Amino acid sequence: MVKKKEKQLYKKKNVVGFKKGYTPWNKGLTKETDERIRTAAIHISEGLKELYKLGIMTSDVSDETKRKISKTLTGRTQTFETRKKKSLTVRHMTEDEWTGFSKRDKYGIEFRHARLNALKRDNHQCRCCATSEDLVVHHIDKNKQNNELENLITFCRSCHNKFHSENITINNIFVKLERGNI
């Protein structure tokens, strides 16, 4: 009988969650406005760092969690400051070292014009299978700066992937086409 009462008393003292109508003591308080919250945040942060060092906690995230996060964030745009912070983190830089976002256009404006000319020359069709869907323009000599029309060829993404995975030369591609091997 005594043990049952002890358990009930223990449960009452260590209430998990909040009762309806009661306001938690820290509601509305932040690190900036309250010293208790500030010190608690520092202690928690130091404790987590120690757990990561010891290998007790890891920052590995499962594929399922990544998928859920991606689904949640789909369609949201990030502020300039958020993008800048991520850029600094990935590059391991300080704000003073930061030179701006990396250039996504690694081919340059000349390639964009040459690409359109190559697509027109090839009638907007893959030179291997003659499809007109999901086209890419490939540099024959693999030099991204050489945007001469003779150095460009139009592939669909599927044939382009086969071209790279099988290490085929441009001369062999037309021989394989005649034989029906692609």
N, C-alpha and C. Protein backbone atom coordinates (compact mmCIF):
# COMPACT_ATOMS: atom_id res chain seq x y z
N MET A 1 0.82 -1.20 0.00
CA MET A 1 0.00 0.00 0.00
C MET A 1 0.85 1.26 0.00
N VAL A 2 1.92 1.25 0.76
CA VAL A 2 2.77 2.43 0.89
C VAL A 2 3.44 2.74 -0.45
N LYS A 3 3.89 1.71 -1.14
CA LYS A 3 4.57 1.93 -2.41
C LYS A 3 3.66 2.62 -3.43
N LYS A 4 2.38 2.25 -3.43
CA LYS A 4 1.44 2.85 -4.36
C LYS A 4 1.30 4.35 -4.09
N LYS A 5 1.22 4.73 -2.80
CA LYS A 5 1.11 6.15 -2.45
C LYS A 5 2.37 6.91 -2.83
N GLU A 6 3.55 6.27 -2.61
CA GLU A 6 4.81 6.91 -2.97
C GLU A 6 4.86 7.19 -4.48
N LYS A 7 4.41 6.22 -5.27
CA LYS A 7 4.40 6.41 -6.72
C LYS A 7 3.48 7.55 -7.11
N GLN A 8 2.32 7.65 -6.45
CA GLN A 8 1.38 8.73 -6.77
C GLN A 8 1.97 10.09 -6.41
N LEU A 9 2.64 10.17 -5.26
CA LEU A 9 3.28 11.42 -4.86
C LEU A 9 4.38 11.80 -5.85
N TYR A 10 5.16 10.81 -6.27
CA TYR A 10 6.25 11.05 -7.20
C TYR A 10 5.71 11.58 -8.53
N LYS A 11 4.64 10.95 -8.99
CA LYS A 11 4.03 11.39 -10.24
C LYS A 11 3.53 12.82 -10.14
N LYS A 12 2.97 13.20 -8.99
CA LYS A 12 2.45 14.56 -8.83
C LYS A 12 3.58 15.58 -8.83
N LYS A 13 4.74 15.24 -8.23
CA LYS A 13 5.86 16.17 -8.17
C LYS A 13 6.50 16.37 -9.54
N ASN A 14 6.64 15.31 -10.30
CA ASN A 14 7.31 15.37 -11.60
C ASN A 14 6.29 15.35 -12.73
N VAL A 15 5.51 16.39 -12.80
CA VAL A 15 4.47 16.48 -13.81
C VAL A 15 5.12 16.71 -15.17
N VAL A 16 4.73 15.90 -16.12
CA VAL A 16 5.22 16.07 -17.48
C VAL A 16 4.15 16.81 -18.26
N GLY A 17 4.55 17.88 -18.95
CA GLY A 17 3.58 18.68 -19.68
C GLY A 17 3.02 19.77 -18.80
N PHE A 18 1.98 20.42 -19.25
CA PHE A 18 1.40 21.52 -18.50
C PHE A 18 -0.08 21.28 -18.28
N LYS A 19 -0.56 21.72 -17.14
CA LYS A 19 -1.99 21.62 -16.87
C LYS A 19 -2.70 22.76 -17.58
N LYS A 20 -3.91 22.49 -17.95
CA LYS A 20 -4.71 23.49 -18.64
C LYS A 20 -4.93 24.69 -17.72
N GLY A 21 -4.68 25.89 -18.27
CA GLY A 21 -4.91 27.09 -17.50
C GLY A 21 -3.67 27.64 -16.82
N TYR A 22 -2.61 26.83 -16.69
CA TYR A 22 -1.38 27.28 -16.07
C TYR A 22 -0.41 27.79 -17.13
N THR A 23 0.29 28.85 -16.82
CA THR A 23 1.27 29.41 -17.74
C THR A 23 2.66 28.98 -17.30
N PRO A 24 3.47 28.43 -18.21
CA PRO A 24 4.84 28.04 -17.83
C PRO A 24 5.65 29.27 -17.43
N TRP A 25 6.60 29.08 -16.52
CA TRP A 25 7.37 30.20 -15.97
C TRP A 25 8.19 30.94 -17.03
N ASN A 26 8.59 30.22 -18.11
CA ASN A 26 9.47 30.83 -19.09
C ASN A 26 8.77 31.28 -20.37
N LYS A 27 7.47 31.32 -20.36
CA LYS A 27 6.73 31.70 -21.57
C LYS A 27 7.05 33.15 -21.95
N GLY A 28 7.47 33.34 -23.20
CA GLY A 28 7.76 34.67 -23.70
C GLY A 28 9.16 35.17 -23.39
N LEU A 29 9.93 34.42 -22.62
CA LEU A 29 11.29 34.85 -22.28
C LEU A 29 12.27 34.35 -23.34
N THR A 30 13.28 35.14 -23.63
CA THR A 30 14.30 34.76 -24.60
C THR A 30 15.68 34.94 -23.99
N LYS A 31 16.71 34.49 -24.73
CA LYS A 31 18.09 34.66 -24.26
C LYS A 31 18.42 36.13 -24.09
N GLU A 32 17.82 36.97 -24.91
CA GLU A 32 18.12 38.40 -24.86
C GLU A 32 17.45 39.09 -23.67
N THR A 33 16.32 38.56 -23.20
CA THR A 33 15.55 39.26 -22.16
C THR A 33 15.72 38.69 -20.77
N ASP A 34 16.22 37.46 -20.62
CA ASP A 34 16.28 36.85 -19.31
C ASP A 34 17.60 36.11 -19.09
N GLU A 35 18.26 36.41 -17.99
CA GLU A 35 19.56 35.82 -17.65
C GLU A 35 19.45 34.31 -17.45
N ARG A 36 18.36 33.82 -16.85
CA ARG A 36 18.20 32.39 -16.60
C ARG A 36 18.16 31.60 -17.91
N ILE A 37 17.45 32.13 -18.89
CA ILE A 37 17.36 31.46 -20.19
C ILE A 37 18.73 31.49 -20.88
N ARG A 38 19.42 32.63 -20.79
CA ARG A 38 20.73 32.79 -21.41
C ARG A 38 21.72 31.76 -20.86
N THR A 39 21.79 31.63 -19.53
CA THR A 39 22.73 30.66 -18.94
C THR A 39 22.33 29.23 -19.26
N ALA A 40 21.05 28.95 -19.28
CA ALA A 40 20.57 27.60 -19.63
C ALA A 40 20.97 27.26 -21.06
N ALA A 41 20.83 28.21 -21.98
CA ALA A 41 21.18 27.98 -23.38
C ALA A 41 22.67 27.69 -23.52
N ILE A 42 23.49 28.43 -22.77
CA ILE A 42 24.94 28.21 -22.83
C ILE A 42 25.28 26.82 -22.31
N HIS A 43 24.69 26.42 -21.18
CA HIS A 43 24.97 25.10 -20.61
C HIS A 43 24.51 23.99 -21.55
N ILE A 44 23.36 24.16 -22.15
CA ILE A 44 22.85 23.14 -23.08
C ILE A 44 23.78 23.04 -24.28
N SER A 45 24.19 24.19 -24.82
CA SER A 45 25.07 24.20 -25.97
C SER A 45 26.40 23.51 -25.67
N GLU A 46 27.00 23.83 -24.51
CA GLU A 46 28.27 23.21 -24.11
C GLU A 46 28.10 21.71 -23.91
N GLY A 47 26.98 21.31 -23.31
CA GLY A 47 26.72 19.89 -23.09
C GLY A 47 26.58 19.14 -24.40
N LEU A 48 25.88 19.72 -25.37
CA LEU A 48 25.72 19.07 -26.67
C LEU A 48 27.06 18.96 -27.39
N LYS A 49 27.87 20.02 -27.32
CA LYS A 49 29.20 19.97 -27.95
C LYS A 49 30.02 18.82 -27.38
N GLU A 50 29.94 18.64 -26.07
CA GLU A 50 30.69 17.56 -25.42
C GLU A 50 30.17 16.20 -25.88
N LEU A 51 28.86 16.06 -26.00
CA LEU A 51 28.29 14.79 -26.47
C LEU A 51 28.72 14.48 -27.90
N TYR A 52 28.79 15.51 -28.76
CA TYR A 52 29.25 15.31 -30.13
C TYR A 52 30.72 14.89 -30.14
N LYS A 53 31.54 15.54 -29.28
CA LYS A 53 32.96 15.19 -29.20
C LYS A 53 33.16 13.74 -28.78
N LEU A 54 32.38 13.31 -27.82
CA LEU A 54 32.52 11.95 -27.31
C LEU A 54 31.93 10.90 -28.25
N GLY A 55 31.20 11.34 -29.24
CA GLY A 55 30.60 10.42 -30.19
C GLY A 55 29.28 9.84 -29.73
N ILE A 56 28.76 10.34 -28.61
CA ILE A 56 27.48 9.85 -28.09
C ILE A 56 26.35 10.32 -28.99
N MET A 57 26.47 11.56 -29.47
CA MET A 57 25.48 12.10 -30.41
C MET A 57 26.16 12.32 -31.75
N THR A 58 25.43 12.10 -32.81
CA THR A 58 25.96 12.37 -34.14
C THR A 58 24.97 13.26 -34.88
N SER A 59 25.47 13.90 -35.90
CA SER A 59 24.59 14.78 -36.67
C SER A 59 24.07 14.07 -37.92
N ASP A 60 24.23 12.75 -37.97
CA ASP A 60 23.72 11.99 -39.10
C ASP A 60 22.20 12.04 -39.11
N VAL A 61 21.66 12.30 -40.27
CA VAL A 61 20.22 12.39 -40.42
C VAL A 61 19.80 11.31 -41.41
N SER A 62 18.76 10.59 -41.07
CA SER A 62 18.31 9.51 -41.94
C SER A 62 17.74 10.07 -43.24
N ASP A 63 17.70 9.22 -44.25
CA ASP A 63 17.15 9.63 -45.54
C ASP A 63 15.68 10.02 -45.41
N GLU A 64 14.96 9.29 -44.54
CA GLU A 64 13.55 9.59 -44.31
C GLU A 64 13.38 10.99 -43.73
N THR A 65 14.23 11.35 -42.76
CA THR A 65 14.17 12.68 -42.16
C THR A 65 14.51 13.75 -43.18
N LYS A 66 15.54 13.50 -44.00
CA LYS A 66 15.91 14.45 -45.06
C LYS A 66 14.74 14.67 -46.01
N ARG A 67 14.05 13.57 -46.37
CA ARG A 67 12.91 13.66 -47.27
C ARG A 67 11.79 14.50 -46.66
N LYS A 68 11.53 14.28 -45.36
CA LYS A 68 10.48 15.04 -44.68
C LYS A 68 10.83 16.53 -44.61
N ILE A 69 12.08 16.82 -44.29
CA ILE A 69 12.51 18.22 -44.23
C ILE A 69 12.40 18.87 -45.60
N SER A 70 12.83 18.16 -46.63
CA SER A 70 12.76 18.69 -47.99
C SER A 70 11.31 18.97 -48.39
N LYS A 71 10.42 18.05 -48.05
CA LYS A 71 9.00 18.22 -48.37
C LYS A 71 8.43 19.44 -47.65
N THR A 72 8.82 19.62 -46.39
CA THR A 72 8.33 20.74 -45.60
C THR A 72 8.82 22.07 -46.17
N LEU A 73 10.07 22.11 -46.61
CA LEU A 73 10.66 23.37 -47.08
C LEU A 73 10.39 23.67 -48.54
N THR A 74 9.77 22.75 -49.26
CA THR A 74 9.50 22.96 -50.68
C THR A 74 8.63 24.20 -50.89
N GLY A 75 9.07 25.05 -51.80
CA GLY A 75 8.31 26.24 -52.13
C GLY A 75 8.67 27.46 -51.30
N ARG A 76 9.44 27.28 -50.25
CA ARG A 76 9.84 28.42 -49.42
C ARG A 76 11.07 29.08 -50.01
N THR A 77 11.12 30.38 -49.92
CA THR A 77 12.32 31.09 -50.37
C THR A 77 13.09 31.55 -49.14
N GLN A 78 14.41 31.51 -49.26
CA GLN A 78 15.25 31.91 -48.14
C GLN A 78 15.68 33.36 -48.30
N THR A 79 15.88 34.01 -47.19
CA THR A 79 16.34 35.40 -47.23
C THR A 79 17.80 35.43 -47.65
N PHE A 80 18.24 36.60 -48.07
CA PHE A 80 19.63 36.78 -48.47
C PHE A 80 20.56 36.41 -47.32
N GLU A 81 20.22 36.83 -46.11
CA GLU A 81 21.07 36.56 -44.94
C GLU A 81 21.19 35.06 -44.67
N THR A 82 20.10 34.33 -44.81
CA THR A 82 20.12 32.88 -44.59
C THR A 82 21.01 32.21 -45.63
N ARG A 83 20.84 32.60 -46.89
CA ARG A 83 21.66 32.03 -47.96
C ARG A 83 23.14 32.35 -47.74
N LYS A 84 23.41 33.57 -47.27
CA LYS A 84 24.79 33.97 -47.01
C LYS A 84 25.39 33.14 -45.88
N LYS A 85 24.63 32.92 -44.80
CA LYS A 85 25.11 32.11 -43.68
C LYS A 85 25.45 30.69 -44.14
N LYS A 86 24.56 30.12 -44.96
CA LYS A 86 24.81 28.77 -45.46
C LYS A 86 26.07 28.75 -46.32
N SER A 87 26.23 29.77 -47.15
CA SER A 87 27.41 29.86 -48.01
C SER A 87 28.68 29.93 -47.17
N LEU A 88 28.65 30.73 -46.12
CA LEU A 88 29.81 30.86 -45.23
C LEU A 88 30.12 29.53 -44.54
N THR A 89 29.07 28.84 -44.10
CA THR A 89 29.25 27.57 -43.39
C THR A 89 29.85 26.52 -44.31
N VAL A 90 29.32 26.40 -45.51
CA VAL A 90 29.79 25.38 -46.44
C VAL A 90 31.25 25.65 -46.84
N ARG A 91 31.58 26.91 -47.03
CA ARG A 91 32.94 27.26 -47.46
C ARG A 91 33.93 27.42 -46.30
N HIS A 92 33.45 27.31 -45.06
CA HIS A 92 34.29 27.48 -43.87
C HIS A 92 35.00 28.84 -43.90
N MET A 93 34.23 29.90 -44.07
CA MET A 93 34.77 31.25 -44.17
C MET A 93 34.20 32.15 -43.09
N THR A 94 34.88 33.25 -42.87
CA THR A 94 34.33 34.31 -42.03
C THR A 94 33.66 35.32 -42.93
N GLU A 95 32.93 36.25 -42.36
CA GLU A 95 32.25 37.26 -43.17
C GLU A 95 33.24 38.11 -43.94
N ASP A 96 34.43 38.36 -43.35
CA ASP A 96 35.43 39.18 -44.02
C ASP A 96 35.99 38.50 -45.27
N GLU A 97 36.07 37.17 -45.25
CA GLU A 97 36.64 36.42 -46.38
C GLU A 97 35.63 36.20 -47.50
N TRP A 98 34.35 36.37 -47.20
CA TRP A 98 33.29 36.04 -48.15
C TRP A 98 33.32 36.96 -49.36
N THR A 99 33.31 36.39 -50.55
CA THR A 99 33.37 37.18 -51.78
C THR A 99 32.06 37.17 -52.55
N GLY A 100 31.08 36.49 -52.05
CA GLY A 100 29.78 36.42 -52.74
C GLY A 100 29.44 34.98 -53.06
N PHE A 101 28.30 34.80 -53.66
CA PHE A 101 27.84 33.47 -54.01
C PHE A 101 28.63 32.94 -55.19
N SER A 102 28.78 31.61 -55.24
CA SER A 102 29.50 31.01 -56.36
C SER A 102 28.68 31.18 -57.63
N LYS A 103 29.37 31.23 -58.73
CA LYS A 103 28.72 31.41 -60.02
C LYS A 103 28.18 30.07 -60.49
N ARG A 104 26.90 30.04 -60.77
CA ARG A 104 26.30 28.79 -61.25
C ARG A 104 26.55 28.59 -62.75
N ASP A 105 26.74 29.70 -63.45
CA ASP A 105 26.92 29.61 -64.90
C ASP A 105 28.39 29.37 -65.20
N LYS A 106 28.81 28.08 -65.16
CA LYS A 106 30.22 27.76 -65.35
C LYS A 106 30.62 27.77 -66.82
N TYR A 107 29.66 27.86 -67.73
CA TYR A 107 29.98 27.82 -69.15
C TYR A 107 30.13 29.21 -69.77
N GLY A 108 29.44 30.19 -69.24
CA GLY A 108 29.54 31.54 -69.76
C GLY A 108 28.49 31.85 -70.81
N ILE A 109 28.38 33.14 -71.12
CA ILE A 109 27.37 33.63 -72.07
C ILE A 109 27.64 33.12 -73.49
N GLU A 110 28.92 32.96 -73.83
CA GLU A 110 29.26 32.49 -75.19
C GLU A 110 28.66 31.10 -75.43
N PHE A 111 28.72 30.25 -74.39
CA PHE A 111 28.18 28.90 -74.56
C PHE A 111 26.67 28.94 -74.78
N ARG A 112 25.99 29.83 -74.08
CA ARG A 112 24.53 29.90 -74.27
C ARG A 112 24.16 30.20 -75.72
N HIS A 113 24.91 31.11 -76.34
CA HIS A 113 24.65 31.42 -77.75
C HIS A 113 25.04 30.25 -78.64
N ALA A 114 26.20 29.64 -78.37
CA ALA A 114 26.66 28.51 -79.17
C ALA A 114 25.72 27.32 -79.01
N ARG A 115 25.18 27.15 -77.80
CA ARG A 115 24.25 26.05 -77.54
C ARG A 115 23.00 26.18 -78.41
N LEU A 116 22.46 27.38 -78.47
CA LEU A 116 21.28 27.60 -79.31
C LEU A 116 21.58 27.32 -80.77
N ASN A 117 22.77 27.73 -81.23
CA ASN A 117 23.16 27.46 -82.63
C ASN A 117 23.31 25.97 -82.88
N ALA A 118 23.87 25.23 -81.91
CA ALA A 118 24.02 23.78 -82.05
C ALA A 118 22.66 23.09 -82.09
N LEU A 119 21.74 23.55 -81.24
CA LEU A 119 20.39 22.97 -81.25
C LEU A 119 19.70 23.23 -82.60
N LYS A 120 19.86 24.44 -83.15
CA LYS A 120 19.27 24.74 -84.46
C LYS A 120 19.88 23.87 -85.54
N ARG A 121 21.22 23.75 -85.52
CA ARG A 121 21.91 22.93 -86.53
C ARG A 121 21.42 21.49 -86.50
N ASP A 122 21.17 20.95 -85.28
CA ASP A 122 20.74 19.56 -85.14
C ASP A 122 19.22 19.42 -85.12
N ASN A 123 18.51 20.47 -85.53
CA ASN A 123 17.04 20.46 -85.62
C ASN A 123 16.37 20.12 -84.29
N HIS A 124 16.98 20.54 -83.19
CA HIS A 124 16.44 20.28 -81.85
C HIS A 124 16.13 18.80 -81.64
N GLN A 125 17.06 17.94 -82.12
CA GLN A 125 16.92 16.50 -81.94
C GLN A 125 18.25 15.90 -81.49
N CYS A 126 18.16 14.82 -80.75
CA CYS A 126 19.35 14.08 -80.34
C CYS A 126 20.00 13.47 -81.57
N ARG A 127 21.32 13.60 -81.68
CA ARG A 127 22.03 13.05 -82.84
C ARG A 127 22.07 11.53 -82.81
N CYS A 128 21.78 10.92 -81.67
CA CYS A 128 21.80 9.46 -81.57
C CYS A 128 20.42 8.84 -81.84
N CYS A 129 19.42 9.30 -81.10
CA CYS A 129 18.12 8.62 -81.18
C CYS A 129 17.02 9.49 -81.78
N ALA A 130 17.33 10.72 -82.13
CA ALA A 130 16.42 11.65 -82.81
C ALA A 130 15.23 12.11 -81.96
N THR A 131 15.31 11.92 -80.65
CA THR A 131 14.24 12.44 -79.80
C THR A 131 14.44 13.94 -79.62
N SER A 132 13.36 14.62 -79.27
CA SER A 132 13.46 16.07 -79.07
C SER A 132 13.19 16.43 -77.61
N GLU A 133 13.24 15.45 -76.72
CA GLU A 133 12.95 15.69 -75.30
C GLU A 133 14.23 15.65 -74.47
N ASP A 134 14.32 16.54 -73.48
CA ASP A 134 15.41 16.57 -72.50
C ASP A 134 16.79 16.63 -73.17
N LEU A 135 16.98 17.63 -74.00
CA LEU A 135 18.22 17.75 -74.78
C LEU A 135 19.33 18.47 -74.01
N VAL A 136 20.56 18.01 -74.23
CA VAL A 136 21.75 18.67 -73.70
C VAL A 136 22.73 18.85 -74.85
N VAL A 137 23.57 19.88 -74.75
CA VAL A 137 24.60 20.09 -75.76
C VAL A 137 25.93 19.72 -75.12
N HIS A 138 26.66 18.81 -75.78
CA HIS A 138 27.90 18.24 -75.25
C HIS A 138 29.11 18.84 -75.95
N HIS A 139 30.17 19.14 -75.17
CA HIS A 139 31.44 19.56 -75.74
C HIS A 139 32.22 18.31 -76.14
N ILE A 140 32.52 18.16 -77.42
CA ILE A 140 33.18 16.95 -77.91
C ILE A 140 34.55 16.78 -77.28
N ASP A 141 35.34 17.86 -77.22
CA ASP A 141 36.69 17.76 -76.66
C ASP A 141 36.72 17.95 -75.14
N LYS A 142 35.55 18.05 -74.52
CA LYS A 142 35.37 18.21 -73.07
C LYS A 142 35.97 19.50 -72.52
N ASN A 143 36.29 20.45 -73.40
CA ASN A 143 36.80 21.75 -72.99
C ASN A 143 35.62 22.73 -72.99
N LYS A 144 35.19 23.15 -71.81
CA LYS A 144 34.02 24.01 -71.69
C LYS A 144 34.22 25.39 -72.28
N GLN A 145 35.47 25.77 -72.50
CA GLN A 145 35.75 27.09 -73.08
C GLN A 145 35.72 27.07 -74.60
N ASN A 146 35.83 25.87 -75.21
CA ASN A 146 35.81 25.74 -76.67
C ASN A 146 34.37 25.64 -77.14
N ASN A 147 33.79 26.78 -77.50
CA ASN A 147 32.38 26.82 -77.88
C ASN A 147 32.19 26.93 -79.39
N GLU A 148 33.15 26.42 -80.16
CA GLU A 148 33.01 26.38 -81.61
C GLU A 148 31.89 25.41 -81.96
N LEU A 149 31.13 25.73 -83.00
CA LEU A 149 29.99 24.90 -83.38
C LEU A 149 30.42 23.47 -83.72
N GLU A 150 31.60 23.30 -84.29
CA GLU A 150 32.10 21.96 -84.65
C GLU A 150 32.41 21.12 -83.40
N ASN A 151 32.60 21.79 -82.25
CA ASN A 151 32.93 21.09 -81.02
C ASN A 151 31.68 20.73 -80.21
N LEU A 152 30.51 21.09 -80.69
CA LEU A 152 29.28 20.84 -79.94
C LEU A 152 28.41 19.82 -80.65
N ILE A 153 27.76 18.97 -79.86
CA ILE A 153 26.85 17.97 -80.41
C ILE A 153 25.65 17.87 -79.48
N THR A 154 24.47 17.66 -80.04
CA THR A 154 23.24 17.58 -79.27
C THR A 154 22.91 16.13 -78.95
N PHE A 155 22.68 15.87 -77.66
CA PHE A 155 22.25 14.55 -77.18
C PHE A 155 21.02 14.73 -76.32
N CYS A 156 20.21 13.68 -76.22
CA CYS A 156 19.20 13.66 -75.15
C CYS A 156 19.95 13.24 -73.88
N ARG A 157 19.37 13.44 -72.74
CA ARG A 157 20.07 13.14 -71.49
C ARG A 157 20.42 11.64 -71.39
N SER A 158 19.54 10.79 -71.88
CA SER A 158 19.79 9.35 -71.82
C SER A 158 21.01 8.97 -72.64
N CYS A 159 21.09 9.43 -73.89
CA CYS A 159 22.24 9.12 -74.75
C CYS A 159 23.51 9.78 -74.21
N HIS A 160 23.38 10.96 -73.64
CA HIS A 160 24.53 11.65 -73.07
C HIS A 160 25.10 10.85 -71.91
N ASN A 161 24.23 10.30 -71.07
CA ASN A 161 24.69 9.47 -69.95
C ASN A 161 25.35 8.19 -70.46
N LYS A 162 24.77 7.58 -71.50
CA LYS A 162 25.39 6.37 -72.09
C LYS A 162 26.75 6.72 -72.66
N PHE A 163 26.84 7.86 -73.30
CA PHE A 163 28.10 8.31 -73.89
C PHE A 163 29.19 8.39 -72.84
N HIS A 164 28.87 8.98 -71.69
CA HIS A 164 29.87 9.13 -70.63
C HIS A 164 30.13 7.81 -69.90
N SER A 165 29.11 7.02 -69.65
CA SER A 165 29.30 5.80 -68.86
C SER A 165 30.06 4.73 -69.65
N GLU A 166 29.90 4.70 -70.96
CA GLU A 166 30.57 3.68 -71.77
C GLU A 166 31.89 4.20 -72.35
N ASN A 167 32.25 5.45 -72.06
CA ASN A 167 33.49 6.05 -72.55
C ASN A 167 33.61 5.95 -74.07
N ILE A 168 32.56 6.28 -74.76
CA ILE A 168 32.51 6.19 -76.22
C ILE A 168 33.12 7.45 -76.83
N THR A 169 33.83 7.29 -77.93
CA THR A 169 34.33 8.46 -78.65
C THR A 169 33.26 8.89 -79.64
N ILE A 170 33.36 10.12 -80.08
CA ILE A 170 32.36 10.64 -81.03
C ILE A 170 32.36 9.83 -82.32
N ASN A 171 33.53 9.44 -82.81
CA ASN A 171 33.60 8.63 -84.05
C ASN A 171 32.89 7.30 -83.86
N ASN A 172 33.06 6.69 -82.69
CA ASN A 172 32.44 5.38 -82.43
C ASN A 172 30.94 5.48 -82.24
N ILE A 173 30.46 6.65 -81.87
CA ILE A 173 29.03 6.77 -81.58
C ILE A 173 28.20 6.53 -82.84
N PHE A 174 28.67 7.02 -83.97
CA PHE A 174 27.92 6.85 -85.21
C PHE A 174 28.04 5.42 -85.73
N VAL A 175 29.16 4.75 -85.48
CA VAL A 175 29.32 3.34 -85.84
C VAL A 175 28.36 2.50 -85.01
N LYS A 176 28.28 2.79 -83.70
CA LYS A 176 27.34 2.06 -82.84
C LYS A 176 25.90 2.30 -83.24
N LEU A 177 25.60 3.54 -83.69
CA LEU A 177 24.25 3.85 -84.13
C LEU A 177 23.86 2.98 -85.33
N GLU A 178 24.80 2.86 -86.31
CA GLU A 178 24.53 2.04 -87.50
C GLU A 178 24.28 0.59 -87.14
N ARG A 179 25.00 0.11 -86.12
CA ARG A 179 24.84 -1.29 -85.69
C ARG A 179 23.65 -1.48 -84.76
N GLY A 180 23.12 -0.39 -84.24
CA GLY A 180 21.98 -0.48 -83.32
C GLY A 180 22.37 -0.82 -81.91
N ASN A 181 23.61 -0.51 -81.52
CA ASN A 181 24.10 -0.83 -80.18
C ASN A 181 23.80 0.26 -79.16
N ILE A 182 23.29 1.38 -79.60
CA ILE A 182 22.96 2.45 -78.64
C ILE A 182 21.45 2.59 -78.57
